[in-house]
Amino acid sequence: MTALQMQDYWLGLRINGGRYAISTKFIQAVFLHPEPEQSMKDLRINGVVVYKGEPICLRNHFQLLRFDQRGDSFVDWQQALKQSSAPWIIVLRDGPQEGLAFRVNNIVGPFYAATIPDSSFFYHNGADYHLVGVA
């Protein structure tokens, strides 16, 4: 490894068919929370789930994360996920987005990988991952 590479733990995210990775330094919690079917008599509050007794406000991934890529993958990035196909919830830590969360289709990891500064992606275990940060 050269001095130009930085190592970190990453969580792989599947969002609308794309592979993304976020540093675990930005993550407070990850949990599986598929939306249960509810009867009409139940009070339904969209955009809020309860995790460990605390309310978690959900936003779209593209509202909370920064993705610097353009082109076809950017169009897929801007599409909101359907709750039925995105059971994983990622809760952010620190900064202005603390305690806010977003859904993803699937997760990989966490895994340890080296990245090159100013690079927008890296290769891990046979797949390319686009790097995302917190907006």
N, C-alpha and C. Protein backbone atom coordinates (compact mmCIF):
# COMPACT_ATOMS: atom_id res chain seq x y z
N MET A 1 0.84 -1.18 0.00
CA MET A 1 0.00 0.00 0.00
C MET A 1 0.88 1.23 0.00
N THR A 2 0.55 2.19 -0.82
CA THR A 2 1.31 3.43 -0.89
C THR A 2 0.77 4.43 0.11
N ALA A 3 1.52 5.50 0.30
CA ALA A 3 1.09 6.55 1.22
C ALA A 3 -0.13 7.29 0.68
N LEU A 4 -0.43 7.15 -0.62
CA LEU A 4 -1.57 7.83 -1.21
C LEU A 4 -2.89 7.14 -0.92
N GLN A 5 -2.86 5.90 -0.45
CA GLN A 5 -4.07 5.17 -0.17
C GLN A 5 -4.52 5.37 1.27
N MET A 6 -5.84 5.42 1.47
CA MET A 6 -6.40 5.53 2.81
C MET A 6 -7.22 4.27 3.07
N GLN A 7 -7.12 3.72 4.27
CA GLN A 7 -7.88 2.52 4.60
C GLN A 7 -9.01 2.86 5.55
N ASP A 8 -10.11 2.16 5.39
CA ASP A 8 -11.28 2.43 6.21
C ASP A 8 -12.20 1.20 6.13
N TYR A 9 -13.15 1.13 7.07
CA TYR A 9 -14.20 0.14 6.99
C TYR A 9 -15.36 0.77 6.23
N TRP A 10 -15.95 -0.01 5.33
CA TRP A 10 -17.00 0.46 4.45
C TRP A 10 -18.22 -0.44 4.57
N LEU A 11 -19.38 0.13 4.33
CA LEU A 11 -20.60 -0.64 4.22
C LEU A 11 -21.06 -0.50 2.77
N GLY A 12 -21.22 -1.65 2.10
CA GLY A 12 -21.71 -1.64 0.73
C GLY A 12 -23.22 -1.50 0.72
N LEU A 13 -23.73 -0.68 -0.19
CA LEU A 13 -25.16 -0.42 -0.30
C LEU A 13 -25.62 -0.76 -1.71
N ARG A 14 -26.73 -1.46 -1.84
CA ARG A 14 -27.37 -1.67 -3.14
C ARG A 14 -28.55 -0.72 -3.20
N ILE A 15 -28.50 0.18 -4.18
CA ILE A 15 -29.57 1.17 -4.35
C ILE A 15 -29.94 1.19 -5.83
N ASN A 16 -31.17 0.83 -6.15
CA ASN A 16 -31.66 0.83 -7.54
C ASN A 16 -30.71 0.13 -8.50
N GLY A 17 -30.15 -0.98 -8.10
CA GLY A 17 -29.27 -1.76 -8.96
C GLY A 17 -27.82 -1.33 -8.95
N GLY A 18 -27.51 -0.18 -8.35
CA GLY A 18 -26.14 0.30 -8.28
C GLY A 18 -25.47 -0.13 -6.99
N ARG A 19 -24.13 -0.16 -7.02
CA ARG A 19 -23.35 -0.50 -5.82
C ARG A 19 -22.66 0.78 -5.33
N TYR A 20 -22.86 1.08 -4.06
CA TYR A 20 -22.28 2.25 -3.43
C TYR A 20 -21.64 1.82 -2.13
N ALA A 21 -20.74 2.65 -1.62
CA ALA A 21 -20.11 2.35 -0.33
C ALA A 21 -20.03 3.63 0.48
N ILE A 22 -20.30 3.51 1.77
CA ILE A 22 -20.21 4.63 2.69
C ILE A 22 -19.30 4.21 3.85
N SER A 23 -18.49 5.14 4.30
CA SER A 23 -17.61 4.85 5.43
C SER A 23 -18.46 4.57 6.67
N THR A 24 -18.06 3.56 7.43
CA THR A 24 -18.80 3.24 8.65
C THR A 24 -18.68 4.35 9.70
N LYS A 25 -17.76 5.28 9.50
CA LYS A 25 -17.63 6.42 10.42
C LYS A 25 -18.88 7.29 10.43
N PHE A 26 -19.66 7.23 9.35
CA PHE A 26 -20.87 8.05 9.24
C PHE A 26 -22.13 7.34 9.74
N ILE A 27 -22.00 6.07 10.14
CA ILE A 27 -23.18 5.26 10.44
C ILE A 27 -23.34 5.04 11.94
N GLN A 28 -24.55 5.30 12.41
CA GLN A 28 -24.88 5.06 13.82
C GLN A 28 -25.47 3.66 13.99
N ALA A 29 -26.34 3.25 13.06
CA ALA A 29 -26.99 1.94 13.18
C ALA A 29 -27.42 1.44 11.81
N VAL A 30 -27.54 0.12 11.70
CA VAL A 30 -28.06 -0.55 10.51
C VAL A 30 -29.02 -1.62 11.00
N PHE A 31 -30.22 -1.63 10.47
CA PHE A 31 -31.16 -2.67 10.88
C PHE A 31 -32.13 -3.00 9.76
N LEU A 32 -32.67 -4.19 9.85
CA LEU A 32 -33.65 -4.69 8.89
C LEU A 32 -35.03 -4.32 9.39
N HIS A 33 -35.81 -3.62 8.56
CA HIS A 33 -37.14 -3.20 8.97
C HIS A 33 -38.07 -3.18 7.77
N PRO A 34 -38.51 -4.36 7.33
CA PRO A 34 -39.48 -4.36 6.23
C PRO A 34 -40.80 -3.78 6.71
N GLU A 35 -41.47 -3.06 5.86
CA GLU A 35 -42.75 -2.47 6.23
C GLU A 35 -43.80 -3.56 6.39
N PRO A 36 -44.40 -3.72 7.56
CA PRO A 36 -45.46 -4.71 7.72
C PRO A 36 -46.76 -4.22 7.11
N GLU A 37 -47.60 -5.15 6.72
CA GLU A 37 -48.94 -4.79 6.27
C GLU A 37 -49.72 -4.27 7.47
N GLN A 38 -50.46 -3.22 7.27
CA GLN A 38 -51.25 -2.65 8.36
C GLN A 38 -52.71 -2.60 7.96
N SER A 39 -53.57 -2.78 8.95
CA SER A 39 -55.01 -2.70 8.67
C SER A 39 -55.43 -1.23 8.64
N MET A 40 -56.58 -0.96 8.08
CA MET A 40 -57.07 0.42 7.95
C MET A 40 -57.28 1.06 9.31
N LYS A 41 -57.54 0.29 10.34
CA LYS A 41 -57.80 0.89 11.65
C LYS A 41 -56.52 1.34 12.34
N ASP A 42 -55.35 0.86 11.86
CA ASP A 42 -54.08 1.27 12.46
C ASP A 42 -53.70 2.67 12.01
N LEU A 43 -53.14 3.44 12.92
CA LEU A 43 -52.62 4.76 12.56
C LEU A 43 -51.29 4.55 11.85
N ARG A 44 -51.18 5.07 10.66
CA ARG A 44 -49.96 4.88 9.88
C ARG A 44 -49.25 6.23 9.74
N ILE A 45 -48.01 6.26 10.16
CA ILE A 45 -47.20 7.47 10.02
C ILE A 45 -46.08 7.13 9.04
N ASN A 46 -46.12 7.72 7.87
CA ASN A 46 -45.09 7.46 6.87
C ASN A 46 -43.83 8.23 7.20
N GLY A 47 -42.69 7.60 6.95
CA GLY A 47 -41.42 8.28 7.14
C GLY A 47 -40.84 8.22 8.53
N VAL A 48 -41.47 7.45 9.44
CA VAL A 48 -40.96 7.32 10.81
C VAL A 48 -41.00 5.84 11.19
N VAL A 49 -39.88 5.35 11.73
CA VAL A 49 -39.83 4.01 12.31
C VAL A 49 -39.27 4.15 13.71
N VAL A 50 -39.49 3.15 14.52
CA VAL A 50 -38.97 3.16 15.89
C VAL A 50 -37.84 2.15 15.97
N TYR A 51 -36.70 2.61 16.49
CA TYR A 51 -35.54 1.75 16.67
C TYR A 51 -35.01 1.94 18.08
N LYS A 52 -34.98 0.85 18.85
CA LYS A 52 -34.56 0.89 20.25
C LYS A 52 -35.32 1.96 21.04
N GLY A 53 -36.61 2.06 20.79
CA GLY A 53 -37.47 2.99 21.52
C GLY A 53 -37.40 4.43 21.07
N GLU A 54 -36.60 4.74 20.07
CA GLU A 54 -36.45 6.11 19.58
C GLU A 54 -37.02 6.24 18.17
N PRO A 55 -37.72 7.36 17.90
CA PRO A 55 -38.20 7.55 16.53
C PRO A 55 -37.05 7.89 15.59
N ILE A 56 -37.07 7.30 14.41
CA ILE A 56 -36.08 7.55 13.38
C ILE A 56 -36.82 8.12 12.17
N CYS A 57 -36.42 9.30 11.71
CA CYS A 57 -37.04 9.93 10.55
C CYS A 57 -36.36 9.46 9.28
N LEU A 58 -37.14 8.95 8.35
CA LEU A 58 -36.62 8.45 7.09
C LEU A 58 -36.68 9.52 6.01
N ARG A 59 -35.64 9.56 5.21
CA ARG A 59 -35.57 10.44 4.04
C ARG A 59 -35.14 9.57 2.87
N ASN A 60 -35.20 10.11 1.67
CA ASN A 60 -34.65 9.42 0.51
C ASN A 60 -33.14 9.44 0.60
N HIS A 61 -32.50 8.40 0.10
CA HIS A 61 -31.03 8.31 0.13
C HIS A 61 -30.38 9.52 -0.53
N PHE A 62 -30.95 9.99 -1.63
CA PHE A 62 -30.34 11.11 -2.36
C PHE A 62 -30.50 12.45 -1.65
N GLN A 63 -31.34 12.51 -0.62
CA GLN A 63 -31.47 13.72 0.18
C GLN A 63 -30.39 13.79 1.26
N LEU A 64 -29.86 12.64 1.67
CA LEU A 64 -28.91 12.59 2.77
C LEU A 64 -27.47 12.31 2.35
N LEU A 65 -27.30 11.70 1.18
CA LEU A 65 -25.97 11.30 0.74
C LEU A 65 -25.52 12.13 -0.46
N ARG A 66 -24.22 12.30 -0.55
CA ARG A 66 -23.61 13.02 -1.66
C ARG A 66 -23.01 11.99 -2.62
N PHE A 67 -23.38 12.11 -3.89
CA PHE A 67 -22.87 11.22 -4.93
C PHE A 67 -22.40 12.10 -6.07
N ASP A 68 -21.12 12.05 -6.38
CA ASP A 68 -20.53 12.99 -7.33
C ASP A 68 -20.51 12.51 -8.77
N GLN A 69 -21.03 11.35 -9.05
CA GLN A 69 -21.00 10.80 -10.41
C GLN A 69 -22.13 11.38 -11.24
N ARG A 70 -21.93 11.50 -12.53
CA ARG A 70 -22.96 11.96 -13.46
C ARG A 70 -23.23 10.87 -14.49
N GLY A 71 -24.24 11.06 -15.33
CA GLY A 71 -24.52 10.10 -16.40
C GLY A 71 -25.69 9.20 -16.05
N ASP A 72 -25.70 8.02 -16.67
CA ASP A 72 -26.81 7.09 -16.49
C ASP A 72 -26.99 6.68 -15.03
N SER A 73 -25.90 6.45 -14.32
CA SER A 73 -26.00 6.02 -12.93
C SER A 73 -26.60 7.11 -12.04
N PHE A 74 -26.44 8.38 -12.45
CA PHE A 74 -27.00 9.47 -11.67
C PHE A 74 -28.53 9.45 -11.75
N VAL A 75 -29.09 9.08 -12.91
CA VAL A 75 -30.54 8.99 -13.06
C VAL A 75 -31.08 7.93 -12.11
N ASP A 76 -30.44 6.76 -12.06
CA ASP A 76 -30.85 5.71 -11.13
C ASP A 76 -30.72 6.16 -9.69
N TRP A 77 -29.68 6.93 -9.38
CA TRP A 77 -29.44 7.43 -8.04
C TRP A 77 -30.59 8.31 -7.56
N GLN A 78 -31.18 9.10 -8.44
CA GLN A 78 -32.22 10.06 -8.07
C GLN A 78 -33.61 9.44 -7.94
N GLN A 79 -33.76 8.15 -8.19
CA GLN A 79 -35.07 7.51 -8.07
C GLN A 79 -35.31 7.05 -6.64
N ALA A 80 -36.48 7.41 -6.11
CA ALA A 80 -36.84 6.99 -4.75
C ALA A 80 -37.06 5.48 -4.72
N LEU A 81 -36.67 4.86 -3.62
CA LEU A 81 -36.84 3.41 -3.46
C LEU A 81 -38.25 3.09 -2.99
N LYS A 82 -38.78 1.97 -3.47
CA LYS A 82 -40.05 1.48 -2.98
C LYS A 82 -39.80 0.78 -1.65
N GLN A 83 -40.62 1.04 -0.66
CA GLN A 83 -40.42 0.46 0.66
C GLN A 83 -40.43 -1.06 0.63
N SER A 84 -41.23 -1.64 -0.24
CA SER A 84 -41.33 -3.09 -0.29
C SER A 84 -40.04 -3.76 -0.78
N SER A 85 -39.21 -3.03 -1.52
CA SER A 85 -37.96 -3.62 -2.03
C SER A 85 -36.73 -3.08 -1.32
N ALA A 86 -36.93 -2.29 -0.28
CA ALA A 86 -35.80 -1.69 0.45
C ALA A 86 -35.98 -1.88 1.95
N PRO A 87 -35.72 -3.09 2.46
CA PRO A 87 -35.99 -3.37 3.87
C PRO A 87 -34.90 -2.91 4.84
N TRP A 88 -33.70 -2.57 4.34
CA TRP A 88 -32.60 -2.18 5.22
C TRP A 88 -32.64 -0.67 5.49
N ILE A 89 -32.40 -0.30 6.74
CA ILE A 89 -32.37 1.11 7.13
C ILE A 89 -30.99 1.44 7.69
N ILE A 90 -30.43 2.55 7.22
CA ILE A 90 -29.13 3.04 7.66
C ILE A 90 -29.37 4.35 8.40
N VAL A 91 -28.95 4.43 9.66
CA VAL A 91 -29.10 5.64 10.48
C VAL A 91 -27.74 6.34 10.52
N LEU A 92 -27.75 7.64 10.23
CA LEU A 92 -26.51 8.41 10.19
C LEU A 92 -26.16 8.95 11.57
N ARG A 93 -24.86 9.21 11.77
CA ARG A 93 -24.39 9.79 13.03
C ARG A 93 -23.69 11.11 12.74
N ASP A 94 -23.60 11.92 13.74
CA ASP A 94 -22.86 13.19 13.72
C ASP A 94 -23.34 14.15 12.64
N GLY A 95 -23.03 15.41 12.83
CA GLY A 95 -23.35 16.44 11.84
C GLY A 95 -24.83 16.76 11.78
N PRO A 96 -25.21 17.55 10.79
CA PRO A 96 -26.60 18.00 10.68
C PRO A 96 -27.58 16.88 10.34
N GLN A 97 -27.10 15.75 9.83
CA GLN A 97 -27.99 14.64 9.46
C GLN A 97 -28.10 13.60 10.58
N GLU A 98 -27.55 13.88 11.74
CA GLU A 98 -27.55 12.90 12.84
C GLU A 98 -28.96 12.43 13.17
N GLY A 99 -29.11 11.12 13.26
CA GLY A 99 -30.39 10.53 13.61
C GLY A 99 -31.34 10.34 12.44
N LEU A 100 -31.04 10.93 11.29
CA LEU A 100 -31.86 10.71 10.10
C LEU A 100 -31.43 9.41 9.45
N ALA A 101 -32.34 8.80 8.70
CA ALA A 101 -32.06 7.49 8.12
C ALA A 101 -32.59 7.41 6.70
N PHE A 102 -32.12 6.39 5.99
CA PHE A 102 -32.58 6.14 4.64
C PHE A 102 -32.63 4.63 4.41
N ARG A 103 -33.45 4.22 3.46
CA ARG A 103 -33.60 2.81 3.12
C ARG A 103 -32.67 2.45 1.97
N VAL A 104 -32.24 1.18 1.95
CA VAL A 104 -31.49 0.64 0.82
C VAL A 104 -32.04 -0.75 0.50
N ASN A 105 -31.79 -1.20 -0.74
CA ASN A 105 -32.26 -2.51 -1.16
C ASN A 105 -31.55 -3.64 -0.43
N ASN A 106 -30.23 -3.50 -0.25
CA ASN A 106 -29.45 -4.55 0.39
C ASN A 106 -28.13 -3.96 0.88
N ILE A 107 -27.45 -4.68 1.75
CA ILE A 107 -26.15 -4.24 2.25
C ILE A 107 -25.12 -5.34 2.06
N VAL A 108 -23.85 -4.94 2.05
CA VAL A 108 -22.71 -5.86 1.98
C VAL A 108 -21.70 -5.37 3.01
N GLY A 109 -21.18 -6.29 3.80
CA GLY A 109 -20.14 -5.89 4.74
C GLY A 109 -20.68 -5.74 6.14
N PRO A 110 -19.95 -4.99 6.93
CA PRO A 110 -18.87 -4.07 6.57
C PRO A 110 -17.60 -4.82 6.15
N PHE A 111 -16.79 -4.13 5.35
CA PHE A 111 -15.54 -4.70 4.90
C PHE A 111 -14.44 -3.64 4.95
N TYR A 112 -13.22 -4.11 5.00
CA TYR A 112 -12.05 -3.25 5.09
C TYR A 112 -11.48 -3.09 3.70
N ALA A 113 -11.27 -1.86 3.25
CA ALA A 113 -10.74 -1.64 1.91
C ALA A 113 -9.93 -0.36 1.88
N ALA A 114 -8.98 -0.33 0.97
CA ALA A 114 -8.15 0.86 0.76
C ALA A 114 -8.71 1.64 -0.43
N THR A 115 -8.72 2.94 -0.32
CA THR A 115 -9.14 3.80 -1.42
C THR A 115 -8.03 4.77 -1.75
N ILE A 116 -8.08 5.30 -2.94
CA ILE A 116 -7.12 6.31 -3.37
C ILE A 116 -7.79 7.67 -3.22
N PRO A 117 -7.15 8.64 -2.57
CA PRO A 117 -7.75 9.97 -2.41
C PRO A 117 -8.20 10.54 -3.76
N ASP A 118 -9.28 11.26 -3.75
CA ASP A 118 -9.89 11.90 -4.92
C ASP A 118 -10.48 10.91 -5.91
N SER A 119 -10.54 9.64 -5.57
CA SER A 119 -11.19 8.65 -6.42
C SER A 119 -12.65 8.55 -6.02
N SER A 120 -13.53 8.34 -6.98
CA SER A 120 -14.96 8.26 -6.68
C SER A 120 -15.45 6.82 -6.58
N PHE A 121 -14.54 5.83 -6.69
CA PHE A 121 -14.96 4.43 -6.59
C PHE A 121 -13.78 3.58 -6.15
N PHE A 122 -14.08 2.34 -5.77
CA PHE A 122 -13.04 1.34 -5.53
C PHE A 122 -13.60 -0.03 -5.87
N TYR A 123 -12.71 -0.99 -5.95
CA TYR A 123 -13.03 -2.35 -6.34
C TYR A 123 -12.87 -3.25 -5.12
N HIS A 124 -13.92 -4.04 -4.83
CA HIS A 124 -13.84 -4.95 -3.68
C HIS A 124 -14.59 -6.23 -4.00
N ASN A 125 -13.93 -7.35 -3.80
CA ASN A 125 -14.55 -8.67 -3.90
C ASN A 125 -15.32 -8.86 -5.22
N GLY A 126 -14.70 -8.44 -6.31
CA GLY A 126 -15.29 -8.66 -7.63
C GLY A 126 -16.28 -7.63 -8.09
N ALA A 127 -16.44 -6.52 -7.38
CA ALA A 127 -17.43 -5.51 -7.76
C ALA A 127 -16.87 -4.10 -7.56
N ASP A 128 -17.33 -3.18 -8.42
CA ASP A 128 -17.00 -1.77 -8.27
C ASP A 128 -18.03 -1.11 -7.36
N TYR A 129 -17.57 -0.26 -6.46
CA TYR A 129 -18.44 0.50 -5.57
C TYR A 129 -18.17 1.98 -5.77
N HIS A 130 -19.23 2.76 -5.98
CA HIS A 130 -19.12 4.21 -6.03
C HIS A 130 -19.13 4.72 -4.59
N LEU A 131 -18.24 5.62 -4.27
CA LEU A 131 -18.17 6.16 -2.92
C LEU A 131 -19.23 7.25 -2.73
N VAL A 132 -19.88 7.23 -1.59
CA VAL A 132 -20.83 8.28 -1.23
C VAL A 132 -20.43 8.85 0.12
N GLY A 133 -20.80 10.09 0.33
CA GLY A 133 -20.56 10.75 1.61
C GLY A 133 -21.86 11.33 2.13
N VAL A 134 -21.82 11.91 3.29
CA VAL A 134 -23.00 12.53 3.88
C VAL A 134 -23.08 13.96 3.37
N ALA A 135 -24.30 14.33 2.93
CA ALA A 135 -24.52 15.67 2.35
C ALA A 135 -24.43 16.74 3.42
